[in-house]
Amino acid sequence: MRDHMDMAGRLTILMHDRDGQLVLDQRQHNRIVTSGRRLVAEMFGGTTGTPRTPISSIAIGTGDTAPADTDTALAARRGNPKAITKVEYSNFTDTQGVARVRVQVTAQFDFGEANDPSTPLREAGLLNKDGVLYSRVVFNAVTKTDTFQLTLLWDIIF
């Protein structure tokens, strides 16, 4: 019997207006970058010196360069990363009959945050408290203004 772990992720972007109406629901698969894979490996196997910490925030930006394994940061970050406010775990069986674990993390950019109607958002990344990039995604342009609240839900499958 042979077993392997393919980590995969997907970002869901939800934008609501001030009345709470959903105005955007966009989903995009991400790339788990080399620094993110190393982060998981070091958390699993341990490291000498300062221990690694789990992801804790989501950053957004305006870069539209396709994600690459060698990415260590967003191409053009906008503002400060937002703390992850919710973490949920669930178990499921994939289409090949393999038992998987899904973790979903959530962060929210409120009405007054990350606004710039002249330059749309195009990228997001998962970071730990030390700024290590776990994964990065580029998505269709999203124009964020103070009339919208942006919720990012990021699923990672193990």
N, C-alpha and C. Protein backbone atom coordinates (compact mmCIF):
# COMPACT_ATOMS: atom_id res chain seq x y z
N MET A 1 0.84 -1.18 0.00
CA MET A 1 0.00 0.00 0.00
C MET A 1 0.88 1.24 0.00
N ARG A 2 0.51 2.20 -0.80
CA ARG A 2 1.26 3.44 -0.89
C ARG A 2 0.33 4.60 -0.54
N ASP A 3 0.83 5.50 0.29
CA ASP A 3 0.02 6.65 0.68
C ASP A 3 0.84 7.91 0.45
N HIS A 4 0.18 8.97 0.04
CA HIS A 4 0.86 10.25 -0.11
C HIS A 4 -0.12 11.36 0.28
N MET A 5 0.43 12.49 0.69
CA MET A 5 -0.39 13.61 1.11
C MET A 5 -0.24 14.74 0.11
N ASP A 6 -1.32 15.02 -0.59
CA ASP A 6 -1.35 16.16 -1.50
C ASP A 6 -2.11 17.29 -0.82
N MET A 7 -1.39 18.32 -0.37
CA MET A 7 -2.06 19.47 0.21
C MET A 7 -2.63 20.30 -0.93
N ALA A 8 -3.80 20.83 -0.72
CA ALA A 8 -4.44 21.68 -1.73
C ALA A 8 -5.26 22.74 -1.01
N GLY A 9 -5.50 23.85 -1.69
CA GLY A 9 -6.27 24.91 -1.07
C GLY A 9 -7.13 25.67 -2.05
N ARG A 10 -8.12 26.37 -1.50
CA ARG A 10 -9.01 27.20 -2.31
C ARG A 10 -9.48 28.37 -1.47
N LEU A 11 -9.43 29.54 -2.08
CA LEU A 11 -9.90 30.77 -1.43
C LEU A 11 -11.30 31.10 -1.94
N THR A 12 -12.18 31.43 -1.01
CA THR A 12 -13.50 31.96 -1.35
C THR A 12 -13.53 33.42 -0.90
N ILE A 13 -13.90 34.30 -1.82
CA ILE A 13 -13.99 35.73 -1.53
C ILE A 13 -15.47 36.10 -1.55
N LEU A 14 -15.95 36.63 -0.43
CA LEU A 14 -17.32 37.09 -0.33
C LEU A 14 -17.32 38.58 -0.06
N MET A 15 -18.09 39.33 -0.83
CA MET A 15 -18.19 40.76 -0.59
C MET A 15 -19.66 41.11 -0.35
N HIS A 16 -19.89 41.81 0.77
CA HIS A 16 -21.24 42.22 1.15
C HIS A 16 -21.32 43.74 1.18
N ASP A 17 -22.49 44.27 0.78
CA ASP A 17 -22.69 45.71 0.89
C ASP A 17 -23.14 46.07 2.31
N ARG A 18 -23.39 47.33 2.55
CA ARG A 18 -23.77 47.78 3.90
C ARG A 18 -25.12 47.25 4.36
N ASP A 19 -25.94 46.78 3.43
CA ASP A 19 -27.23 46.18 3.79
C ASP A 19 -27.11 44.68 4.04
N GLY A 20 -25.88 44.16 3.93
CA GLY A 20 -25.66 42.73 4.15
C GLY A 20 -25.92 41.87 2.94
N GLN A 21 -26.18 42.49 1.81
CA GLN A 21 -26.44 41.74 0.58
C GLN A 21 -25.13 41.25 -0.03
N LEU A 22 -25.10 39.98 -0.42
CA LEU A 22 -23.94 39.41 -1.09
C LEU A 22 -23.85 39.96 -2.51
N VAL A 23 -22.73 40.61 -2.83
CA VAL A 23 -22.56 41.18 -4.16
C VAL A 23 -21.46 40.49 -4.96
N LEU A 24 -20.67 39.64 -4.28
CA LEU A 24 -19.61 38.91 -4.97
C LEU A 24 -19.35 37.61 -4.24
N ASP A 25 -19.22 36.52 -5.00
CA ASP A 25 -18.84 35.21 -4.48
C ASP A 25 -17.88 34.63 -5.50
N GLN A 26 -16.58 34.70 -5.20
CA GLN A 26 -15.54 34.26 -6.14
C GLN A 26 -14.68 33.18 -5.48
N ARG A 27 -14.35 32.15 -6.23
CA ARG A 27 -13.53 31.05 -5.69
C ARG A 27 -12.34 30.80 -6.61
N GLN A 28 -11.20 30.55 -5.98
CA GLN A 28 -9.99 30.33 -6.77
C GLN A 28 -9.05 29.38 -6.02
N HIS A 29 -8.52 28.39 -6.72
CA HIS A 29 -7.54 27.49 -6.12
C HIS A 29 -6.22 28.23 -5.94
N ASN A 30 -5.50 27.90 -4.88
CA ASN A 30 -4.24 28.57 -4.56
C ASN A 30 -3.05 27.68 -4.86
N ARG A 31 -1.88 28.25 -4.68
CA ARG A 31 -0.63 27.49 -4.78
C ARG A 31 0.02 27.47 -3.39
N ILE A 32 0.27 26.28 -2.90
CA ILE A 32 1.01 26.16 -1.64
C ILE A 32 2.48 26.23 -2.03
N VAL A 33 3.14 27.29 -1.56
CA VAL A 33 4.51 27.58 -2.00
C VAL A 33 5.51 26.78 -1.18
N THR A 34 6.76 26.78 -1.64
CA THR A 34 7.81 25.99 -0.98
C THR A 34 7.96 26.37 0.49
N SER A 35 7.94 27.67 0.81
CA SER A 35 8.08 28.08 2.20
C SER A 35 6.92 27.56 3.05
N GLY A 36 5.74 27.41 2.46
CA GLY A 36 4.60 26.86 3.17
C GLY A 36 4.73 25.36 3.40
N ARG A 37 5.22 24.66 2.40
CA ARG A 37 5.44 23.22 2.57
C ARG A 37 6.52 22.96 3.62
N ARG A 38 7.55 23.80 3.61
CA ARG A 38 8.61 23.66 4.62
C ARG A 38 8.07 23.97 6.02
N LEU A 39 7.20 24.97 6.12
CA LEU A 39 6.58 25.31 7.40
C LEU A 39 5.85 24.11 7.97
N VAL A 40 5.03 23.44 7.16
CA VAL A 40 4.30 22.26 7.62
C VAL A 40 5.27 21.15 8.00
N ALA A 41 6.29 20.92 7.18
CA ALA A 41 7.27 19.86 7.48
C ALA A 41 8.00 20.14 8.79
N GLU A 42 8.40 21.38 9.01
CA GLU A 42 9.12 21.73 10.25
C GLU A 42 8.21 21.68 11.47
N MET A 43 6.94 22.02 11.30
CA MET A 43 6.01 21.88 12.42
C MET A 43 5.80 20.41 12.76
N PHE A 44 5.79 19.56 11.73
CA PHE A 44 5.61 18.12 11.92
C PHE A 44 6.85 17.49 12.53
N GLY A 45 8.01 17.78 11.96
CA GLY A 45 9.24 17.12 12.39
C GLY A 45 10.00 17.85 13.48
N GLY A 46 9.66 19.11 13.72
CA GLY A 46 10.38 19.90 14.71
C GLY A 46 11.59 20.56 14.08
N THR A 47 12.04 21.62 14.71
CA THR A 47 13.21 22.35 14.25
C THR A 47 14.08 22.69 15.44
N THR A 48 15.34 22.99 15.18
CA THR A 48 16.20 23.49 16.24
C THR A 48 16.05 25.01 16.28
N GLY A 49 16.21 25.58 17.45
CA GLY A 49 16.06 27.03 17.56
C GLY A 49 14.60 27.41 17.77
N THR A 50 14.20 28.50 17.18
CA THR A 50 12.84 29.00 17.34
C THR A 50 11.84 28.08 16.67
N PRO A 51 10.84 27.61 17.42
CA PRO A 51 9.86 26.74 16.80
C PRO A 51 8.99 27.50 15.80
N ARG A 52 8.51 26.80 14.79
CA ARG A 52 7.63 27.38 13.78
C ARG A 52 6.25 27.61 14.37
N THR A 53 5.54 28.58 13.84
CA THR A 53 4.20 28.87 14.31
C THR A 53 3.21 28.67 13.16
N PRO A 54 1.95 28.34 13.49
CA PRO A 54 0.95 28.11 12.44
C PRO A 54 0.54 29.42 11.76
N ILE A 55 -0.18 29.29 10.67
CA ILE A 55 -0.69 30.48 10.00
C ILE A 55 -1.58 31.26 10.95
N SER A 56 -1.58 32.58 10.80
CA SER A 56 -2.35 33.41 11.72
C SER A 56 -3.03 34.60 11.05
N SER A 57 -2.71 34.85 9.77
CA SER A 57 -3.31 36.01 9.11
C SER A 57 -3.42 35.79 7.61
N ILE A 58 -4.25 36.64 7.00
CA ILE A 58 -4.41 36.67 5.55
C ILE A 58 -4.06 38.07 5.08
N ALA A 59 -3.20 38.14 4.07
CA ALA A 59 -2.82 39.41 3.47
C ALA A 59 -3.46 39.50 2.08
N ILE A 60 -3.74 40.73 1.64
CA ILE A 60 -4.27 40.94 0.30
C ILE A 60 -3.40 41.95 -0.42
N GLY A 61 -3.46 41.91 -1.75
CA GLY A 61 -2.64 42.82 -2.53
C GLY A 61 -3.16 42.99 -3.94
N THR A 62 -2.37 43.70 -4.72
CA THR A 62 -2.78 44.08 -6.08
C THR A 62 -1.96 43.40 -7.17
N GLY A 63 -1.00 42.57 -6.80
CA GLY A 63 -0.16 41.89 -7.79
C GLY A 63 -0.95 40.86 -8.57
N ASP A 64 -0.62 40.75 -9.86
CA ASP A 64 -1.33 39.77 -10.69
C ASP A 64 -0.40 38.76 -11.35
N THR A 65 0.84 38.70 -10.87
CA THR A 65 1.77 37.70 -11.36
C THR A 65 1.34 36.33 -10.84
N ALA A 66 1.33 35.33 -11.71
CA ALA A 66 0.90 33.99 -11.30
C ALA A 66 1.73 33.49 -10.13
N PRO A 67 1.11 32.80 -9.17
CA PRO A 67 1.85 32.25 -8.04
C PRO A 67 2.92 31.26 -8.51
N ALA A 68 4.05 31.25 -7.79
CA ALA A 68 5.15 30.33 -8.10
C ALA A 68 5.64 29.70 -6.81
N ASP A 69 6.23 28.52 -6.92
CA ASP A 69 6.76 27.83 -5.74
C ASP A 69 7.73 28.70 -4.95
N THR A 70 8.46 29.56 -5.63
CA THR A 70 9.49 30.38 -4.99
C THR A 70 8.96 31.65 -4.33
N ASP A 71 7.66 31.93 -4.42
CA ASP A 71 7.10 33.13 -3.78
C ASP A 71 7.33 33.08 -2.28
N THR A 72 7.76 34.20 -1.71
CA THR A 72 7.92 34.33 -0.26
C THR A 72 7.10 35.49 0.29
N ALA A 73 6.43 36.22 -0.58
CA ALA A 73 5.59 37.36 -0.19
C ALA A 73 4.61 37.65 -1.31
N LEU A 74 3.62 38.46 -1.01
CA LEU A 74 2.74 38.93 -2.08
C LEU A 74 3.52 39.86 -2.98
N ALA A 75 3.09 39.98 -4.23
CA ALA A 75 3.79 40.85 -5.18
C ALA A 75 3.62 42.32 -4.82
N ALA A 76 2.41 42.71 -4.35
CA ALA A 76 2.14 44.12 -4.03
C ALA A 76 1.08 44.17 -2.93
N ARG A 77 1.51 43.96 -1.70
CA ARG A 77 0.58 43.90 -0.57
C ARG A 77 -0.08 45.25 -0.33
N ARG A 78 -1.36 45.22 0.03
CA ARG A 78 -2.09 46.42 0.42
C ARG A 78 -2.42 46.34 1.91
N GLY A 79 -1.88 47.28 2.67
CA GLY A 79 -2.19 47.34 4.09
C GLY A 79 -1.56 46.20 4.87
N ASN A 80 -2.01 46.06 6.10
CA ASN A 80 -1.50 45.02 6.99
C ASN A 80 -2.35 43.77 6.87
N PRO A 81 -1.73 42.61 7.06
CA PRO A 81 -2.50 41.37 7.07
C PRO A 81 -3.56 41.40 8.17
N LYS A 82 -4.68 40.73 7.93
CA LYS A 82 -5.75 40.63 8.92
C LYS A 82 -5.63 39.32 9.67
N ALA A 83 -5.84 39.39 10.97
CA ALA A 83 -5.79 38.20 11.80
C ALA A 83 -6.91 37.23 11.41
N ILE A 84 -6.60 35.96 11.46
CA ILE A 84 -7.60 34.93 11.25
C ILE A 84 -8.48 34.92 12.49
N THR A 85 -9.80 35.02 12.27
CA THR A 85 -10.73 35.12 13.38
C THR A 85 -11.53 33.84 13.63
N LYS A 86 -11.45 32.92 12.69
CA LYS A 86 -12.21 31.68 12.84
C LYS A 86 -11.44 30.55 12.18
N VAL A 87 -11.40 29.40 12.85
CA VAL A 87 -10.76 28.19 12.31
C VAL A 87 -11.73 27.03 12.53
N GLU A 88 -12.04 26.30 11.46
CA GLU A 88 -12.93 25.15 11.56
C GLU A 88 -12.27 23.95 10.89
N TYR A 89 -12.44 22.78 11.50
CA TYR A 89 -11.91 21.53 10.95
C TYR A 89 -13.07 20.61 10.59
N SER A 90 -12.89 19.87 9.50
CA SER A 90 -13.89 18.87 9.12
C SER A 90 -13.19 17.70 8.42
N ASN A 91 -13.81 16.54 8.51
CA ASN A 91 -13.31 15.33 7.86
C ASN A 91 -14.22 14.98 6.69
N PHE A 92 -13.64 14.44 5.63
CA PHE A 92 -14.43 13.98 4.49
C PHE A 92 -13.63 12.93 3.73
N THR A 93 -14.29 12.25 2.83
CA THR A 93 -13.65 11.26 1.97
C THR A 93 -13.65 11.80 0.55
N ASP A 94 -12.47 11.82 -0.08
CA ASP A 94 -12.38 12.36 -1.43
C ASP A 94 -12.90 11.35 -2.46
N THR A 95 -12.85 11.74 -3.73
CA THR A 95 -13.41 10.90 -4.78
C THR A 95 -12.65 9.59 -5.00
N GLN A 96 -11.40 9.50 -4.48
CA GLN A 96 -10.63 8.26 -4.58
C GLN A 96 -10.80 7.39 -3.32
N GLY A 97 -11.67 7.82 -2.41
CA GLY A 97 -11.91 7.05 -1.20
C GLY A 97 -10.91 7.30 -0.09
N VAL A 98 -10.11 8.37 -0.19
CA VAL A 98 -9.11 8.69 0.82
C VAL A 98 -9.72 9.64 1.85
N ALA A 99 -9.55 9.30 3.13
CA ALA A 99 -10.03 10.17 4.20
C ALA A 99 -9.15 11.42 4.27
N ARG A 100 -9.78 12.58 4.25
CA ARG A 100 -9.06 13.86 4.25
C ARG A 100 -9.53 14.71 5.42
N VAL A 101 -8.71 15.72 5.74
CA VAL A 101 -9.06 16.72 6.75
C VAL A 101 -9.03 18.08 6.07
N ARG A 102 -10.08 18.86 6.29
CA ARG A 102 -10.17 20.22 5.76
C ARG A 102 -10.09 21.19 6.94
N VAL A 103 -9.26 22.19 6.79
CA VAL A 103 -9.27 23.30 7.75
C VAL A 103 -9.68 24.54 6.97
N GLN A 104 -10.64 25.28 7.52
CA GLN A 104 -11.07 26.53 6.90
C GLN A 104 -10.77 27.66 7.86
N VAL A 105 -10.03 28.66 7.36
CA VAL A 105 -9.70 29.84 8.15
C VAL A 105 -10.40 31.04 7.53
N THR A 106 -10.77 31.99 8.39
CA THR A 106 -11.53 33.15 7.94
C THR A 106 -10.91 34.44 8.47
N ALA A 107 -10.86 35.44 7.61
CA ALA A 107 -10.46 36.80 8.00
C ALA A 107 -11.38 37.76 7.28
N GLN A 108 -11.58 38.93 7.88
CA GLN A 108 -12.51 39.89 7.29
C GLN A 108 -11.88 41.28 7.22
N PHE A 109 -12.00 41.89 6.06
CA PHE A 109 -11.58 43.27 5.86
C PHE A 109 -12.85 44.11 5.89
N ASP A 110 -12.98 44.94 6.91
CA ASP A 110 -14.21 45.69 7.14
C ASP A 110 -14.36 46.84 6.14
N PHE A 111 -15.45 47.56 6.25
CA PHE A 111 -15.79 48.61 5.28
C PHE A 111 -14.68 49.64 5.11
N GLY A 112 -14.01 50.01 6.18
CA GLY A 112 -12.99 51.06 6.12
C GLY A 112 -11.58 50.56 5.86
N GLU A 113 -11.42 49.30 5.51
CA GLU A 113 -10.08 48.71 5.37
C GLU A 113 -9.78 48.30 3.93
N ALA A 114 -8.53 48.48 3.54
CA ALA A 114 -7.98 48.00 2.25
C ALA A 114 -8.69 48.60 1.05
N ASN A 115 -9.14 49.84 1.18
CA ASN A 115 -9.91 50.49 0.10
C ASN A 115 -9.00 51.26 -0.85
N ASP A 116 -9.30 51.12 -2.15
CA ASP A 116 -8.67 51.91 -3.19
C ASP A 116 -9.42 51.63 -4.48
N PRO A 117 -10.39 52.48 -4.81
CA PRO A 117 -11.20 52.21 -6.00
C PRO A 117 -10.42 52.27 -7.31
N SER A 118 -9.23 52.86 -7.29
CA SER A 118 -8.46 52.98 -8.54
C SER A 118 -7.59 51.76 -8.83
N THR A 119 -7.31 50.94 -7.82
CA THR A 119 -6.46 49.76 -8.01
C THR A 119 -7.12 48.54 -7.39
N PRO A 120 -7.65 47.64 -8.19
CA PRO A 120 -8.35 46.48 -7.63
C PRO A 120 -7.41 45.48 -6.96
N LEU A 121 -7.98 44.74 -6.04
CA LEU A 121 -7.27 43.64 -5.40
C LEU A 121 -7.18 42.49 -6.39
N ARG A 122 -6.04 41.77 -6.37
CA ARG A 122 -5.82 40.66 -7.31
C ARG A 122 -5.17 39.45 -6.67
N GLU A 123 -4.68 39.58 -5.39
CA GLU A 123 -3.93 38.47 -4.79
C GLU A 123 -4.19 38.40 -3.30
N ALA A 124 -3.92 37.22 -2.74
CA ALA A 124 -4.02 37.01 -1.30
C ALA A 124 -3.00 35.96 -0.89
N GLY A 125 -2.64 35.98 0.39
CA GLY A 125 -1.69 35.00 0.91
C GLY A 125 -1.96 34.68 2.36
N LEU A 126 -1.66 33.45 2.75
CA LEU A 126 -1.73 33.00 4.14
C LEU A 126 -0.35 33.13 4.76
N LEU A 127 -0.28 33.74 5.95
CA LEU A 127 1.00 33.99 6.62
C LEU A 127 0.96 33.51 8.06
N ASN A 128 2.13 33.18 8.60
CA ASN A 128 2.20 32.95 10.05
C ASN A 128 2.67 34.25 10.71
N LYS A 129 2.79 34.26 12.04
CA LYS A 129 3.12 35.51 12.74
C LYS A 129 4.52 36.01 12.40
N ASP A 130 5.37 35.14 11.88
CA ASP A 130 6.73 35.54 11.48
C ASP A 130 6.79 36.02 10.04
N GLY A 131 5.64 36.05 9.37
CA GLY A 131 5.59 36.51 7.98
C GLY A 131 5.93 35.45 6.95
N VAL A 132 6.02 34.19 7.36
CA VAL A 132 6.30 33.11 6.41
C VAL A 132 5.04 32.89 5.56
N LEU A 133 5.21 32.95 4.24
CA LEU A 133 4.10 32.74 3.31
C LEU A 133 3.84 31.25 3.16
N TYR A 134 2.61 30.84 3.43
CA TYR A 134 2.22 29.44 3.28
C TYR A 134 1.66 29.19 1.88
N SER A 135 0.76 30.05 1.44
CA SER A 135 0.19 29.88 0.11
C SER A 135 -0.18 31.25 -0.45
N ARG A 136 -0.31 31.27 -1.78
CA ARG A 136 -0.64 32.52 -2.49
C ARG A 136 -1.62 32.19 -3.60
N VAL A 137 -2.50 33.14 -3.87
CA VAL A 137 -3.50 32.98 -4.92
C VAL A 137 -3.66 34.31 -5.66
N VAL A 138 -3.88 34.21 -6.96
CA VAL A 138 -4.24 35.38 -7.77
C VAL A 138 -5.67 35.12 -8.27
N PHE A 139 -6.50 36.16 -8.19
CA PHE A 139 -7.91 36.01 -8.53
C PHE A 139 -8.36 37.15 -9.44
N ASN A 140 -9.58 37.03 -9.97
CA ASN A 140 -10.15 38.09 -10.80
C ASN A 140 -10.25 39.38 -9.99
N ALA A 141 -10.05 40.50 -10.64
CA ALA A 141 -10.01 41.80 -9.96
C ALA A 141 -11.24 42.04 -9.09
N VAL A 142 -10.98 42.55 -7.87
CA VAL A 142 -12.02 42.91 -6.92
C VAL A 142 -11.76 44.35 -6.50
N THR A 143 -12.71 45.23 -6.76
CA THR A 143 -12.58 46.62 -6.36
C THR A 143 -13.19 46.79 -4.97
N LYS A 144 -12.33 47.11 -4.01
CA LYS A 144 -12.76 47.26 -2.61
C LYS A 144 -12.88 48.74 -2.28
N THR A 145 -14.08 49.16 -1.85
CA THR A 145 -14.32 50.53 -1.40
C THR A 145 -14.96 50.47 -0.03
N ASP A 146 -15.22 51.63 0.57
CA ASP A 146 -15.78 51.65 1.92
C ASP A 146 -17.27 51.30 1.95
N THR A 147 -17.84 50.93 0.83
CA THR A 147 -19.24 50.48 0.81
C THR A 147 -19.34 48.95 0.84
N PHE A 148 -18.18 48.28 0.92
CA PHE A 148 -18.17 46.82 0.92
C PHE A 148 -17.30 46.25 2.03
N GLN A 149 -17.74 45.11 2.55
CA GLN A 149 -16.98 44.32 3.52
C GLN A 149 -16.53 43.06 2.80
N LEU A 150 -15.25 42.71 2.97
CA LEU A 150 -14.66 41.58 2.26
C LEU A 150 -14.34 40.47 3.25
N THR A 151 -14.92 39.29 3.03
CA THR A 151 -14.65 38.13 3.87
C THR A 151 -13.89 37.11 3.04
N LEU A 152 -12.76 36.64 3.57
CA LEU A 152 -11.94 35.64 2.90
C LEU A 152 -12.02 34.34 3.70
N LEU A 153 -12.47 33.28 3.04
CA LEU A 153 -12.53 31.95 3.64
C LEU A 153 -11.56 31.07 2.87
N TRP A 154 -10.57 30.53 3.56
CA TRP A 154 -9.52 29.76 2.89
C TRP A 154 -9.57 28.33 3.38
N ASP A 155 -9.83 27.40 2.45
CA ASP A 155 -9.84 25.97 2.75
C ASP A 155 -8.50 25.37 2.37
N ILE A 156 -7.93 24.60 3.30
CA ILE A 156 -6.73 23.82 3.01
C ILE A 156 -7.08 22.36 3.30
N ILE A 157 -6.76 21.49 2.32
CA ILE A 157 -7.07 20.06 2.42
C ILE A 157 -5.78 19.30 2.69
N PHE A 158 -5.82 18.40 3.67
CA PHE A 158 -4.70 17.52 3.99
C PHE A 158 -5.13 16.09 3.79
